[in-house]
Amino acid sequence: MRVLELFFELAFVVALTRVSHRFTDLTDDTGWAHVAGFGRTLLLFLALRLIWSHTTRITSRYRPAGGGGPLLAVSAVPRTCLRSP
């Protein structure tokens, strides 16, 4: 399960990097466009944080060798990739 956890950490780091790049691209906007862009970026960050916390809770709650824990954790990766910009 250790390899799977490292894969999840890498996936979340990549998604967080994409969200931060979206934030740095807001430098050309002015006024309300800047505020709206910041709001969308904040919303993406909060969704990413929520998915990460749930995935962490699931992987630490279920036994690594048994049942649907790994399957449930693996299904979180496509959802995370869809949420990132």
C-alpha atoms as a PDB file:
ATOM      1  CA  MET A   1       0.000   0.000   0.000  1.00  0.00           C
ATOM      2  CA  ARG A   2       2.973   2.285   0.499  1.00  0.00           C
ATOM      3  CA  VAL A   3       3.517   2.627  -3.264  1.00  0.00           C
ATOM      4  CA  LEU A   4      -0.138   3.488  -3.735  1.00  0.00           C
ATOM      5  CA  GLU A   5       0.052   6.199  -1.065  1.00  0.00           C
ATOM      6  CA  LEU A   6       3.119   7.704  -2.736  1.00  0.00           C
ATOM      7  CA  PHE A   7       1.270   7.708  -6.060  1.00  0.00           C
ATOM      8  CA  PHE A   8      -1.611   9.605  -4.482  1.00  0.00           C
ATOM      9  CA  GLU A   9       0.742  12.151  -2.980  1.00  0.00           C
ATOM     10  CA  LEU A  10       2.331  12.689  -6.383  1.00  0.00           C
ATOM     11  CA  ALA A  11      -1.087  13.079  -8.041  1.00  0.00           C
ATOM     12  CA  PHE A  12      -2.118  15.688  -5.499  1.00  0.00           C
ATOM     13  CA  VAL A  13       1.159  17.579  -5.832  1.00  0.00           C
ATOM     14  CA  VAL A  14       0.648  17.752  -9.604  1.00  0.00           C
ATOM     15  CA  ALA A  15      -2.946  18.957  -9.139  1.00  0.00           C
ATOM     16  CA  LEU A  16      -1.846  21.565  -6.588  1.00  0.00           C
ATOM     17  CA  THR A  17       0.857  22.761  -8.988  1.00  0.00           C
ATOM     18  CA  ARG A  18      -1.746  23.195 -11.722  1.00  0.00           C
ATOM     19  CA  VAL A  19      -4.004  25.186  -9.386  1.00  0.00           C
ATOM     20  CA  SER A  20      -1.098  27.408  -8.344  1.00  0.00           C
ATOM     21  CA  HIS A  21      -0.199  28.022 -12.001  1.00  0.00           C
ATOM     22  CA  ARG A  22      -3.792  29.048 -12.593  1.00  0.00           C
ATOM     23  CA  PHE A  23      -3.409  31.572  -9.767  1.00  0.00           C
ATOM     24  CA  THR A  24      -0.195  33.010 -11.190  1.00  0.00           C
ATOM     25  CA  ASP A  25      -1.876  33.462 -14.581  1.00  0.00           C
ATOM     26  CA  LEU A  26      -4.227  36.000 -12.995  1.00  0.00           C
ATOM     27  CA  THR A  27      -1.620  38.779 -13.123  1.00  0.00           C
ATOM     28  CA  ASP A  28      -2.978  40.113 -16.438  1.00  0.00           C
ATOM     29  CA  ASP A  29      -6.525  40.526 -15.112  1.00  0.00           C
ATOM     30  CA  THR A  30      -7.751  43.731 -13.517  1.00  0.00           C
ATOM     31  CA  GLY A  31     -10.777  44.687 -11.477  1.00  0.00           C
ATOM     32  CA  TRP A  32     -13.627  42.213 -11.168  1.00  0.00           C
ATOM     33  CA  ALA A  33     -12.008  39.784 -13.594  1.00  0.00           C
ATOM     34  CA  HIS A  34      -9.141  39.420 -11.112  1.00  0.00           C
ATOM     35  CA  VAL A  35     -11.558  38.868  -8.212  1.00  0.00           C
ATOM     36  CA  ALA A  36     -13.570  36.301 -10.209  1.00  0.00           C
ATOM     37  CA  GLY A  37     -10.389  34.467 -11.222  1.00  0.00           C
ATOM     38  CA  PHE A  38      -9.201  34.416  -7.628  1.00  0.00           C
ATOM     39  CA  GLY A  39     -12.580  33.041  -6.527  1.00  0.00           C
ATOM     40  CA  ARG A  40     -12.470  30.240  -9.104  1.00  0.00           C
ATOM     41  CA  THR A  41      -8.916  29.364  -8.101  1.00  0.00           C
ATOM     42  CA  LEU A  42      -9.877  29.338  -4.427  1.00  0.00           C
ATOM     43  CA  LEU A  43     -12.828  27.084  -5.185  1.00  0.00           C
ATOM     44  CA  LEU A  44     -10.567  24.648  -7.062  1.00  0.00           C
ATOM     45  CA  PHE A  45      -8.091  24.662  -4.192  1.00  0.00           C
ATOM     46  CA  LEU A  46     -10.814  23.939  -1.632  1.00  0.00           C
ATOM     47  CA  ALA A  47     -12.192  21.088  -3.762  1.00  0.00           C
ATOM     48  CA  LEU A  48      -8.689  19.640  -4.088  1.00  0.00           C
ATOM     49  CA  ARG A  49      -8.173  19.940  -0.331  1.00  0.00           C
ATOM     50  CA  LEU A  50     -11.470  18.178   0.341  1.00  0.00           C
ATOM     51  CA  ILE A  51     -10.630  15.297  -1.999  1.00  0.00           C
ATOM     52  CA  TRP A  52      -7.163  14.973  -0.472  1.00  0.00           C
ATOM     53  CA  SER A  53      -8.504  14.867   3.085  1.00  0.00           C
ATOM     54  CA  HIS A  54     -11.125  12.251   2.209  1.00  0.00           C
ATOM     55  CA  THR A  55      -8.590  10.104   0.368  1.00  0.00           C
ATOM     56  CA  THR A  56      -6.198  10.322   3.311  1.00  0.00           C
ATOM     57  CA  ARG A  57      -8.958   9.375   5.722  1.00  0.00           C
ATOM     58  CA  ILE A  58     -10.040   6.412   3.578  1.00  0.00           C
ATOM     59  CA  THR A  59      -6.527   5.045   3.101  1.00  0.00           C
ATOM     60  CA  SER A  60      -5.734   5.310   6.819  1.00  0.00           C
ATOM     61  CA  ARG A  61      -9.058   3.863   7.946  1.00  0.00           C
ATOM     62  CA  TYR A  62      -9.162   0.658   5.911  1.00  0.00           C
ATOM     63  CA  ARG A  63      -6.652  -2.156   6.088  1.00  0.00           C
ATOM     64  CA  PRO A  64      -4.168  -1.980   3.207  1.00  0.00           C
ATOM     65  CA  ALA A  65      -4.357  -5.697   2.413  1.00  0.00           C
ATOM     66  CA  GLY A  66      -8.057  -6.175   2.694  1.00  0.00           C
ATOM     67  CA  GLY A  67     -11.338  -5.466   1.053  1.00  0.00           C
ATOM     68  CA  GLY A  68     -12.280  -2.420  -0.900  1.00  0.00           C
ATOM     69  CA  GLY A  69      -9.903   0.085   0.665  1.00  0.00           C
ATOM     70  CA  PRO A  70      -7.355   0.093  -2.162  1.00  0.00           C
ATOM     71  CA  LEU A  71     -10.089  -0.045  -4.800  1.00  0.00           C
ATOM     72  CA  LEU A  72     -11.852   2.898  -3.208  1.00  0.00           C
ATOM     73  CA  ALA A  73      -8.592   4.808  -2.977  1.00  0.00           C
ATOM     74  CA  VAL A  74      -7.677   4.099  -6.608  1.00  0.00           C
ATOM     75  CA  SER A  75     -11.051   5.424  -7.741  1.00  0.00           C
ATOM     76  CA  ALA A  76     -10.196   8.775  -6.133  1.00  0.00           C
ATOM     77  CA  VAL A  77      -7.406   9.491  -8.635  1.00  0.00           C
ATOM     78  CA  PRO A  78      -9.636  10.096 -11.697  1.00  0.00           C
ATOM     79  CA  ARG A  79     -11.895  12.306  -9.603  1.00  0.00           C
ATOM     80  CA  THR A  80      -8.882  14.342  -8.529  1.00  0.00           C
ATOM     81  CA  CYS A  81      -7.640  14.714 -12.089  1.00  0.00           C
ATOM     82  CA  LEU A  82     -11.063  15.876 -13.233  1.00  0.00           C
ATOM     83  CA  ARG A  83     -11.192  18.540 -10.544  1.00  0.00           C
ATOM     84  CA  SER A  84      -7.871  20.142 -11.404  1.00  0.00           C
ATOM     85  CA  PRO A  85      -7.879  22.837 -14.108  1.00  0.00           C
END
